[in-house]
């Protein structure tokens, strides 16, 4: 697989099994899982038309899905325009180091630009050193610390 053979495109209904395998790999990496009803609802929302729902782009090479990104546009109290939150980014193990993650993030950047969203942001685990090497090249680390309800 060469970077030239990777196509970034929107998720389609016929991608469900491959999307599910990729998202399961992502969840497993973060040592978590979701019940079946979350898989079904998430996939349905990703294909829906509601602008409040997440969108999904996938990376395809030689007819197989090798990566995914989930992202969402939402309002922000400090801006008039919506901003873009990139929630999930995953490349299959065999596709890593070949530009798939960068291509997916750049596709989200392009979608944000097209939607007039001035910023794209995301979170990652501190221990995700491999991904952070990419993030350090294409983004800016902020000083924010995440808190959540226990």
C-alpha atoms as a PDB file:
ATOM      1  CA  UNK A   1       0.000   0.000   0.000  1.00  0.00           C
ATOM      2  CA  UNK A   2       1.343   3.405  -0.962  1.00  0.00           C
ATOM      3  CA  UNK A   3       0.032   6.732   0.263  1.00  0.00           C
ATOM      4  CA  UNK A   4      -1.102   7.397  -3.317  1.00  0.00           C
ATOM      5  CA  UNK A   5      -3.371   4.341  -3.196  1.00  0.00           C
ATOM      6  CA  UNK A   6      -5.291   5.596  -0.130  1.00  0.00           C
ATOM      7  CA  UNK A   7      -8.694   7.153  -0.788  1.00  0.00           C
ATOM      8  CA  UNK A   8     -10.427   9.229   1.890  1.00  0.00           C
ATOM      9  CA  UNK A   9     -14.189   9.174   1.494  1.00  0.00           C
ATOM     10  CA  UNK A  10     -17.427   9.397   3.493  1.00  0.00           C
ATOM     11  CA  UNK A  11     -18.722   6.302   5.273  1.00  0.00           C
ATOM     12  CA  UNK A  12     -21.348   4.297   3.330  1.00  0.00           C
ATOM     13  CA  UNK A  13     -24.023   1.859   4.513  1.00  0.00           C
ATOM     14  CA  UNK A  14     -22.165  -1.093   2.990  1.00  0.00           C
ATOM     15  CA  UNK A  15     -19.116  -0.266   5.152  1.00  0.00           C
ATOM     16  CA  UNK A  16     -20.773  -1.349   8.400  1.00  0.00           C
ATOM     17  CA  UNK A  17     -18.798  -4.577   9.018  1.00  0.00           C
ATOM     18  CA  UNK A  18     -15.432  -2.986   8.170  1.00  0.00           C
ATOM     19  CA  UNK A  19     -16.264   0.174  10.151  1.00  0.00           C
ATOM     20  CA  UNK A  20     -17.281  -1.980  13.126  1.00  0.00           C
ATOM     21  CA  UNK A  21     -13.961  -3.879  12.995  1.00  0.00           C
ATOM     22  CA  UNK A  22     -11.963  -0.635  12.866  1.00  0.00           C
ATOM     23  CA  UNK A  23     -13.940   1.035  15.650  1.00  0.00           C
ATOM     24  CA  UNK A  24     -13.597  -2.107  17.776  1.00  0.00           C
ATOM     25  CA  UNK A  25      -9.837  -1.891  17.269  1.00  0.00           C
ATOM     26  CA  UNK A  26      -9.921   1.741  18.381  1.00  0.00           C
ATOM     27  CA  UNK A  27     -11.978   0.947  21.480  1.00  0.00           C
ATOM     28  CA  UNK A  28      -9.728  -2.006  22.323  1.00  0.00           C
ATOM     29  CA  UNK A  29      -6.655   0.237  22.114  1.00  0.00           C
ATOM     30  CA  UNK A  30      -8.243   2.442  24.786  1.00  0.00           C
ATOM     31  CA  UNK A  31      -9.200  -0.645  26.819  1.00  0.00           C
ATOM     32  CA  UNK A  32     -12.926  -0.036  26.567  1.00  0.00           C
ATOM     33  CA  UNK A  33     -15.980  -1.407  24.827  1.00  0.00           C
ATOM     34  CA  UNK A  34     -19.537  -0.376  24.081  1.00  0.00           C
ATOM     35  CA  UNK A  35     -22.734  -2.427  23.970  1.00  0.00           C
ATOM     36  CA  UNK A  36     -24.315  -3.516  20.697  1.00  0.00           C
ATOM     37  CA  UNK A  37     -26.970  -0.798  20.864  1.00  0.00           C
ATOM     38  CA  UNK A  38     -24.225   1.858  20.877  1.00  0.00           C
ATOM     39  CA  UNK A  39     -22.613   0.342  17.775  1.00  0.00           C
ATOM     40  CA  UNK A  40     -25.985   0.343  15.998  1.00  0.00           C
ATOM     41  CA  UNK A  41     -26.982   3.865  17.086  1.00  0.00           C
ATOM     42  CA  UNK A  42     -23.552   5.307  16.287  1.00  0.00           C
ATOM     43  CA  UNK A  43     -23.488   3.785  12.806  1.00  0.00           C
ATOM     44  CA  UNK A  44     -27.011   5.051  12.095  1.00  0.00           C
ATOM     45  CA  UNK A  45     -26.093   8.548  13.282  1.00  0.00           C
ATOM     46  CA  UNK A  46     -22.902   8.583  11.218  1.00  0.00           C
ATOM     47  CA  UNK A  47     -24.985   7.963   8.102  1.00  0.00           C
ATOM     48  CA  UNK A  48     -27.733  10.426   9.069  1.00  0.00           C
ATOM     49  CA  UNK A  49     -28.392  13.945   7.890  1.00  0.00           C
ATOM     50  CA  UNK A  50     -28.653  15.671  11.290  1.00  0.00           C
ATOM     51  CA  UNK A  51     -25.960  18.374  11.434  1.00  0.00           C
ATOM     52  CA  UNK A  52     -25.768  17.831  15.212  1.00  0.00           C
ATOM     53  CA  UNK A  53     -24.561  14.249  14.711  1.00  0.00           C
ATOM     54  CA  UNK A  54     -21.049  13.028  14.100  1.00  0.00           C
ATOM     55  CA  UNK A  55     -19.690  12.514  10.617  1.00  0.00           C
ATOM     56  CA  UNK A  56     -17.305   9.780   9.524  1.00  0.00           C
ATOM     57  CA  UNK A  57     -14.627   9.609   6.887  1.00  0.00           C
ATOM     58  CA  UNK A  58     -12.833   6.383   6.094  1.00  0.00           C
ATOM     59  CA  UNK A  59      -9.505   5.564   4.486  1.00  0.00           C
ATOM     60  CA  UNK A  60      -9.706   2.900   1.793  1.00  0.00           C
ATOM     61  CA  UNK A  61      -6.891   1.085   0.038  1.00  0.00           C
ATOM     62  CA  UNK A  62      -7.309  -1.651  -2.567  1.00  0.00           C
ATOM     63  CA  UNK A  63     -10.995  -1.994  -1.682  1.00  0.00           C
ATOM     64  CA  UNK A  64     -10.456  -2.427   2.074  1.00  0.00           C
ATOM     65  CA  UNK A  65     -11.090   0.081   4.854  1.00  0.00           C
ATOM     66  CA  UNK A  66      -7.884   0.793   6.755  1.00  0.00           C
ATOM     67  CA  UNK A  67      -8.818   3.808   8.877  1.00  0.00           C
ATOM     68  CA  UNK A  68     -11.595   5.987  10.204  1.00  0.00           C
ATOM     69  CA  UNK A  69     -12.211   9.372  11.759  1.00  0.00           C
ATOM     70  CA  UNK A  70     -15.337  10.570  13.589  1.00  0.00           C
ATOM     71  CA  UNK A  71     -15.869  14.323  13.930  1.00  0.00           C
ATOM     72  CA  UNK A  72     -18.557  16.787  14.938  1.00  0.00           C
ATOM     73  CA  UNK A  73     -19.315  20.463  14.364  1.00  0.00           C
ATOM     74  CA  UNK A  74     -20.709  22.295  17.378  1.00  0.00           C
ATOM     75  CA  UNK A  75     -21.355  25.771  18.721  1.00  0.00           C
ATOM     76  CA  UNK A  76     -18.801  27.516  20.878  1.00  0.00           C
ATOM     77  CA  UNK A  77     -19.435  30.323  23.348  1.00  0.00           C
ATOM     78  CA  UNK A  78     -16.261  32.152  22.357  1.00  0.00           C
ATOM     79  CA  UNK A  79     -16.965  32.197  18.597  1.00  0.00           C
ATOM     80  CA  UNK A  80     -19.803  32.898  16.201  1.00  0.00           C
ATOM     81  CA  UNK A  81     -18.793  30.017  13.944  1.00  0.00           C
ATOM     82  CA  UNK A  82     -19.087  26.356  14.845  1.00  0.00           C
ATOM     83  CA  UNK A  83     -15.891  24.536  15.786  1.00  0.00           C
ATOM     84  CA  UNK A  84     -14.935  20.977  14.914  1.00  0.00           C
ATOM     85  CA  UNK A  85     -14.249  18.240  17.445  1.00  0.00           C
ATOM     86  CA  UNK A  86     -12.360  15.197  16.153  1.00  0.00           C
ATOM     87  CA  UNK A  87     -13.382  12.400  18.538  1.00  0.00           C
ATOM     88  CA  UNK A  88     -12.032   9.125  17.138  1.00  0.00           C
ATOM     89  CA  UNK A  89      -9.093   8.533  14.799  1.00  0.00           C
ATOM     90  CA  UNK A  90      -7.864   5.045  14.005  1.00  0.00           C
ATOM     91  CA  UNK A  91      -5.631   3.376  11.443  1.00  0.00           C
ATOM     92  CA  UNK A  92      -5.457  -0.406  11.188  1.00  0.00           C
ATOM     93  CA  UNK A  93      -2.123  -1.766  12.483  1.00  0.00           C
ATOM     94  CA  UNK A  94      -0.967  -2.741   8.973  1.00  0.00           C
ATOM     95  CA  UNK A  95      -1.638   0.824   7.752  1.00  0.00           C
ATOM     96  CA  UNK A  96       0.288   2.683  10.428  1.00  0.00           C
ATOM     97  CA  UNK A  97       3.269   4.787   9.507  1.00  0.00           C
ATOM     98  CA  UNK A  98       2.005   5.170   5.955  1.00  0.00           C
ATOM     99  CA  UNK A  99       0.266   8.556   6.211  1.00  0.00           C
ATOM    100  CA  UNK A 100      -3.266   7.289   6.859  1.00  0.00           C
ATOM    101  CA  UNK A 101      -3.734   9.199  10.133  1.00  0.00           C
ATOM    102  CA  UNK A 102      -2.375  12.388   8.600  1.00  0.00           C
ATOM    103  CA  UNK A 103      -4.631  12.016   5.549  1.00  0.00           C
ATOM    104  CA  UNK A 104      -7.703  11.521   7.750  1.00  0.00           C
ATOM    105  CA  UNK A 105      -6.888  14.549   9.917  1.00  0.00           C
ATOM    106  CA  UNK A 106      -6.198  16.675   6.856  1.00  0.00           C
ATOM    107  CA  UNK A 107      -9.570  15.587   5.434  1.00  0.00           C
ATOM    108  CA  UNK A 108     -11.233  16.783   8.652  1.00  0.00           C
ATOM    109  CA  UNK A 109      -9.305  20.060   8.348  1.00  0.00           C
ATOM    110  CA  UNK A 110     -10.687  20.408   4.801  1.00  0.00           C
ATOM    111  CA  UNK A 111     -14.243  19.661   5.987  1.00  0.00           C
ATOM    112  CA  UNK A 112     -13.851  22.259   8.737  1.00  0.00           C
ATOM    113  CA  UNK A 113     -12.584  24.817   6.246  1.00  0.00           C
ATOM    114  CA  UNK A 114     -15.520  24.097   3.918  1.00  0.00           C
ATOM    115  CA  UNK A 115     -17.945  24.518   6.843  1.00  0.00           C
ATOM    116  CA  UNK A 116     -16.323  27.760   7.984  1.00  0.00           C
ATOM    117  CA  UNK A 117     -15.151  26.237  11.267  1.00  0.00           C
ATOM    118  CA  UNK A 118     -11.985  28.086  12.315  1.00  0.00           C
ATOM    119  CA  UNK A 119     -10.604  25.344  14.536  1.00  0.00           C
ATOM    120  CA  UNK A 120     -10.370  21.574  14.850  1.00  0.00           C
ATOM    121  CA  UNK A 121      -9.497  20.084  18.221  1.00  0.00           C
ATOM    122  CA  UNK A 122      -9.095  16.623  19.725  1.00  0.00           C
ATOM    123  CA  UNK A 123      -7.974  14.782  22.849  1.00  0.00           C
ATOM    124  CA  UNK A 124      -5.647  11.852  23.264  1.00  0.00           C
ATOM    125  CA  UNK A 125      -4.258   9.828  26.105  1.00  0.00           C
ATOM    126  CA  UNK A 126      -0.905  10.954  27.459  1.00  0.00           C
ATOM    127  CA  UNK A 127       0.512   7.456  26.838  1.00  0.00           C
ATOM    128  CA  UNK A 128      -0.395   7.502  23.119  1.00  0.00           C
ATOM    129  CA  UNK A 129       3.186   8.422  22.158  1.00  0.00           C
ATOM    130  CA  UNK A 130       3.077   7.142  18.575  1.00  0.00           C
ATOM    131  CA  UNK A 131      -0.004   9.189  17.668  1.00  0.00           C
ATOM    132  CA  UNK A 132       1.327  12.197  19.543  1.00  0.00           C
ATOM    133  CA  UNK A 133       4.354  12.269  17.247  1.00  0.00           C
ATOM    134  CA  UNK A 134       1.937  12.938  14.374  1.00  0.00           C
ATOM    135  CA  UNK A 135      -0.214  15.336  16.403  1.00  0.00           C
ATOM    136  CA  UNK A 136       2.849  17.383  17.357  1.00  0.00           C
ATOM    137  CA  UNK A 137       3.566  17.885  13.628  1.00  0.00           C
ATOM    138  CA  UNK A 138       0.053  18.861  12.518  1.00  0.00           C
ATOM    139  CA  UNK A 139      -1.478  20.437  15.614  1.00  0.00           C
ATOM    140  CA  UNK A 140      -0.614  22.472  18.673  1.00  0.00           C
ATOM    141  CA  UNK A 141      -0.754  20.963  22.135  1.00  0.00           C
ATOM    142  CA  UNK A 142      -2.785  23.121  24.527  1.00  0.00           C
ATOM    143  CA  UNK A 143      -2.506  23.524  28.273  1.00  0.00           C
ATOM    144  CA  UNK A 144      -6.041  22.360  29.015  1.00  0.00           C
ATOM    145  CA  UNK A 145      -6.614  19.445  31.372  1.00  0.00           C
ATOM    146  CA  UNK A 146      -9.770  17.374  31.010  1.00  0.00           C
ATOM    147  CA  UNK A 147     -12.103  16.740  33.945  1.00  0.00           C
ATOM    148  CA  UNK A 148     -15.283  14.705  33.924  1.00  0.00           C
ATOM    149  CA  UNK A 149     -17.971  13.569  36.283  1.00  0.00           C
ATOM    150  CA  UNK A 150     -17.023  10.301  38.053  1.00  0.00           C
END
